[in-house]
Amino acid sequence: MRLDVITLFPELITVPMSTSIMGRAREKGAITVGVHDLREHGLGKHKQVDDTPYGGGQGMLLRPEPLFEALDRVHTEKSRVILMSPAGARFDQAAARRLSAEEHLIFISGHYEGVDQRVVDHWVDEELSIGDYVLTNGAIAAVIVMDAIVRLLPGVLGDDMSAVEESFGQSGLLEAPHYTKPAEYRGLKVPDILLSGNHGKIAEWREQQALERTRRVRPDLLS
């Protein structure tokens, strides 16, 4: 998979996408990442990328010219363009799975009060939001979305079943609690069922725990 990000803050993309699992995915060749500084396409000697909105209003908008030029360079017939915006559809695990099947994703990192609508109308295939709140810029959101997508690609995780058995996986429930060694620490014990070796009973216990946790924390998922 190829990932391209158009942003005013390249370092917010390059560091996390070169670290840990994302870094290993790049080393394995599972993904290639291109980070494009929007200011390289800015106007005039000051490389202007934003301006005040027509009709008045607060803040500044990203101008169309720099974004059009940046997209002209990276867009192909196989590209899917995503604008990170608080006005977008809520990103979830189902969207991550859907996007993990794409060959080429281009992320536009919004900033200021947003982008000129002509960019959206001409280029953008979908707008995504990671939650009902506003960030200082979309680069942070783009990293979160890319991380969620890339870890679903075959061979990226050490065990591909990890993406199936975790929260929002195949069951649609939150993940059951997990424990590791020691079996007791400061009087806090691992549940006996996990030490029993009875894998059928352990599976039943985990399913029940997942259901109870989901009912308590995210009852909306049960609907």
Protein backbone atom coordinates (compact mmCIF):
# COMPACT_ATOMS: atom_id res chain seq x y z
CA MET A 1 0.00 0.00 0.00
CA ARG A 2 1.12 3.54 -0.76
CA LEU A 3 0.30 6.36 1.65
CA ASP A 4 0.79 10.02 0.81
CA VAL A 5 0.15 12.86 3.22
CA ILE A 6 -0.11 16.54 2.33
CA THR A 7 0.54 18.64 5.41
CA LEU A 8 2.05 21.84 6.77
CA PHE A 9 3.79 19.83 9.48
CA PRO A 10 5.77 16.95 7.90
CA GLU A 11 7.52 16.07 11.16
CA LEU A 12 4.18 15.13 12.72
CA ILE A 13 3.95 12.40 10.09
CA THR A 14 7.53 11.27 9.54
CA VAL A 15 8.38 10.47 13.16
CA PRO A 16 5.43 8.23 14.12
CA MET A 17 5.35 6.57 10.70
CA SER A 18 9.01 5.60 11.10
CA THR A 19 8.61 4.14 14.60
CA SER A 20 7.62 0.75 16.04
CA ILE A 21 5.18 -1.31 13.96
CA MET A 22 4.75 1.41 11.34
CA GLY A 23 8.51 1.62 10.88
CA ARG A 24 8.78 -2.15 10.54
CA ALA A 25 5.94 -2.17 8.01
CA ARG A 26 7.96 0.25 5.89
CA GLU A 27 11.11 -1.84 6.26
CA LYS A 28 9.20 -4.96 5.14
CA GLY A 29 7.84 -3.12 2.12
CA ALA A 30 4.22 -3.51 3.24
CA ILE A 31 3.78 0.24 2.88
CA THR A 32 5.52 3.20 1.30
CA VAL A 33 4.97 6.63 2.79
CA GLY A 34 5.30 9.98 1.05
CA VAL A 35 5.12 13.17 3.11
CA HIS A 36 4.57 16.39 1.16
CA ASP A 37 5.08 19.82 2.65
CA LEU A 38 2.20 21.98 1.45
CA ARG A 39 4.28 25.13 1.88
CA GLU A 40 6.49 24.03 -1.02
CA HIS A 41 3.54 24.93 -3.22
CA GLY A 42 2.82 28.21 -1.41
CA LEU A 43 2.32 31.47 -3.25
CA GLY A 44 4.91 34.23 -3.59
CA LYS A 45 8.14 34.75 -1.71
CA HIS A 46 6.39 34.10 1.61
CA LYS A 47 4.94 30.77 0.41
CA GLN A 48 1.42 31.73 1.40
CA VAL A 49 -0.98 28.80 1.77
CA ASP A 50 -3.97 30.40 3.53
CA ASP A 51 -6.27 33.41 3.34
CA THR A 52 -9.40 34.92 4.88
CA PRO A 53 -12.79 33.42 3.93
CA TYR A 54 -15.10 35.18 1.51
CA GLY A 55 -18.21 36.46 3.25
CA GLY A 56 -16.40 36.99 6.51
CA GLY A 57 -15.94 34.69 9.46
CA GLN A 58 -13.29 33.61 11.92
CA GLY A 59 -9.92 32.16 11.09
CA MET A 60 -8.14 31.34 7.85
CA LEU A 61 -8.73 28.79 5.11
CA LEU A 62 -6.18 26.81 3.11
CA ARG A 63 -6.16 28.23 -0.41
CA PRO A 64 -6.96 25.95 -3.37
CA GLU A 65 -3.83 26.59 -5.48
CA PRO A 66 -1.23 24.91 -3.22
CA LEU A 67 -3.45 21.89 -2.60
CA PHE A 68 -4.34 21.49 -6.29
CA GLU A 69 -0.65 21.57 -7.22
CA ALA A 70 0.31 19.08 -4.52
CA LEU A 71 -2.47 16.71 -5.54
CA ASP A 72 -1.58 17.04 -9.22
CA ARG A 73 1.81 15.54 -8.36
CA VAL A 74 0.73 12.53 -6.31
CA HIS A 75 -2.73 11.59 -7.57
CA THR A 76 -3.17 8.56 -9.84
CA GLU A 77 -6.14 6.59 -11.16
CA LYS A 78 -5.84 4.27 -8.15
CA SER A 79 -5.75 7.03 -5.53
CA ARG A 80 -8.40 7.56 -2.89
CA VAL A 81 -8.22 11.06 -1.38
CA ILE A 82 -9.20 11.53 2.25
CA LEU A 83 -9.60 14.88 3.98
CA MET A 84 -9.15 14.79 7.74
CA SER A 85 -11.83 17.12 9.08
CA PRO A 86 -14.00 17.40 12.21
CA ALA A 87 -16.92 17.70 9.77
CA GLY A 88 -16.18 14.25 8.32
CA ALA A 89 -17.78 10.87 8.95
CA ARG A 90 -16.72 9.14 12.16
CA PHE A 91 -13.74 6.85 11.56
CA ASP A 92 -14.11 3.38 13.03
CA GLN A 93 -12.73 -0.15 12.69
CA ALA A 94 -15.08 -0.94 9.83
CA ALA A 95 -13.70 2.04 7.91
CA ALA A 96 -10.15 0.90 8.72
CA ARG A 97 -10.87 -2.54 7.27
CA ARG A 98 -12.48 -1.03 4.17
CA LEU A 99 -9.56 1.33 3.53
CA SER A 100 -6.97 -1.40 4.13
CA ALA A 101 -8.06 -2.90 0.79
CA GLU A 102 -7.06 0.25 -1.14
CA GLU A 103 -3.81 0.46 -3.11
CA HIS A 104 -3.14 4.18 -2.65
CA LEU A 105 -4.46 6.58 -0.03
CA ILE A 106 -3.79 10.32 -0.05
CA PHE A 107 -4.48 12.22 3.16
CA ILE A 108 -5.04 15.96 3.22
CA SER A 109 -4.29 17.34 6.67
CA GLY A 110 -6.66 20.20 7.30
CA HIS A 111 -5.51 23.22 9.30
CA TYR A 112 -6.81 26.60 10.45
CA GLU A 113 -10.58 26.73 9.77
CA GLY A 114 -10.42 24.16 6.99
CA VAL A 115 -9.84 24.10 3.24
CA ASP A 116 -11.42 25.86 0.29
CA GLN A 117 -14.53 23.87 -0.70
CA ARG A 118 -13.33 23.65 -4.30
CA VAL A 119 -10.59 21.29 -3.14
CA VAL A 120 -13.21 19.08 -1.53
CA ASP A 121 -15.51 19.14 -4.54
CA HIS A 122 -12.78 18.41 -7.10
CA TRP A 123 -10.44 16.04 -5.27
CA VAL A 124 -11.78 14.53 -2.07
CA ASP A 125 -13.38 11.07 -2.09
CA GLU A 126 -14.33 11.13 1.58
CA GLU A 127 -13.94 13.23 4.71
CA LEU A 128 -13.06 11.50 7.98
CA SER A 129 -13.10 12.57 11.61
CA ILE A 130 -11.55 10.63 14.49
CA GLY A 131 -14.02 12.01 17.03
CA ASP A 132 -16.36 14.76 18.08
CA TYR A 133 -13.66 17.27 18.97
CA VAL A 134 -11.34 19.65 17.14
CA LEU A 135 -7.55 19.29 16.82
CA THR A 136 -5.06 22.02 15.95
CA ASN A 137 -4.40 20.30 12.62
CA GLY A 138 -5.26 17.14 10.74
CA ALA A 139 -1.76 15.63 10.66
CA ILE A 140 -2.25 14.03 14.07
CA ALA A 141 -5.58 12.59 12.96
CA ALA A 142 -4.04 11.29 9.72
CA VAL A 143 -1.39 9.36 11.67
CA ILE A 144 -4.07 7.74 13.82
CA VAL A 145 -6.07 6.68 10.78
CA MET A 146 -3.00 5.35 8.96
CA ASP A 147 -1.91 3.37 12.01
CA ALA A 148 -5.34 1.74 12.30
CA ILE A 149 -5.29 0.83 8.59
CA VAL A 150 -1.70 -0.37 8.26
CA ARG A 151 -1.85 -2.79 11.20
CA LEU A 152 -4.61 -4.67 9.34
CA LEU A 153 -2.39 -5.38 6.34
CA PRO A 154 -1.20 -9.00 6.05
CA GLY A 155 2.15 -9.59 7.76
CA VAL A 156 2.34 -6.23 9.53
CA LEU A 157 1.48 -7.60 12.97
CA GLY A 158 3.52 -10.48 14.35
CA ASP A 159 0.34 -12.57 14.52
CA ASP A 160 -2.44 -11.74 12.05
CA MET A 161 -4.99 -13.11 14.53
CA SER A 162 -4.20 -10.15 16.80
CA ALA A 163 -6.30 -7.93 14.57
CA VAL A 164 -9.20 -10.41 14.75
CA GLU A 165 -9.31 -11.04 18.49
CA GLU A 166 -8.84 -7.46 19.72
CA SER A 167 -11.45 -4.80 20.48
CA PHE A 168 -13.78 -4.08 17.53
CA GLY A 169 -12.52 -7.27 15.88
CA GLN A 170 -14.61 -10.11 14.47
CA SER A 171 -16.96 -10.24 17.46
CA GLY A 172 -17.61 -6.50 17.46
CA LEU A 173 -17.09 -6.44 21.24
CA LEU A 174 -14.44 -4.80 23.37
CA GLU A 175 -11.52 -7.06 24.19
CA ALA A 176 -11.57 -9.17 27.36
CA PRO A 177 -9.00 -8.29 30.08
CA HIS A 178 -5.56 -9.95 29.85
CA TYR A 179 -3.01 -11.00 32.45
CA THR A 180 0.64 -12.06 32.42
CA LYS A 181 3.23 -13.28 34.95
CA PRO A 182 3.43 -13.32 37.92
CA ALA A 183 0.26 -15.19 38.89
CA GLU A 184 0.04 -13.07 42.04
CA TYR A 185 1.44 -9.60 42.74
CA ARG A 186 0.84 -7.60 45.90
CA GLY A 187 -2.10 -9.77 46.72
CA LEU A 188 -3.66 -9.30 43.28
CA LYS A 189 -4.26 -12.65 41.60
CA VAL A 190 -4.77 -13.77 38.05
CA PRO A 191 -8.22 -15.41 37.68
CA ASP A 192 -7.96 -19.15 38.32
CA ILE A 193 -9.64 -20.01 35.03
CA LEU A 194 -6.67 -18.61 33.08
CA LEU A 195 -4.30 -20.92 34.95
CA SER A 196 -6.48 -24.01 34.46
CA GLY A 197 -5.24 -25.04 31.02
CA ASN A 198 -8.84 -25.66 29.96
CA HIS A 199 -8.88 -23.73 26.69
CA GLY A 200 -12.58 -24.27 26.09
CA LYS A 201 -13.49 -22.79 29.48
CA ILE A 202 -10.96 -19.97 28.98
CA ALA A 203 -12.59 -19.08 25.65
CA GLU A 204 -16.01 -19.02 27.32
CA TRP A 205 -14.68 -16.83 30.15
CA ARG A 206 -13.11 -14.37 27.72
CA GLU A 207 -16.29 -14.15 25.68
CA GLN A 208 -18.32 -13.43 28.80
CA GLN A 209 -15.80 -10.86 30.02
CA ALA A 210 -15.82 -9.15 26.63
CA LEU A 211 -19.60 -8.99 26.70
CA GLU A 212 -19.68 -7.60 30.24
CA ARG A 213 -17.00 -4.99 29.49
CA THR A 214 -18.82 -3.89 26.34
CA ARG A 215 -22.13 -3.65 28.20
CA ARG A 216 -20.49 -1.52 30.91
CA VAL A 217 -18.24 0.72 28.83
CA ARG A 218 -19.72 0.82 25.30
CA PRO A 219 -23.36 -0.34 25.41
CA ASP A 220 -23.89 1.37 22.05
CA LEU A 221 -21.89 -1.42 20.39
CA LEU A 222 -24.44 -4.00 21.48
CA SER A 223 -27.19 -2.25 19.56
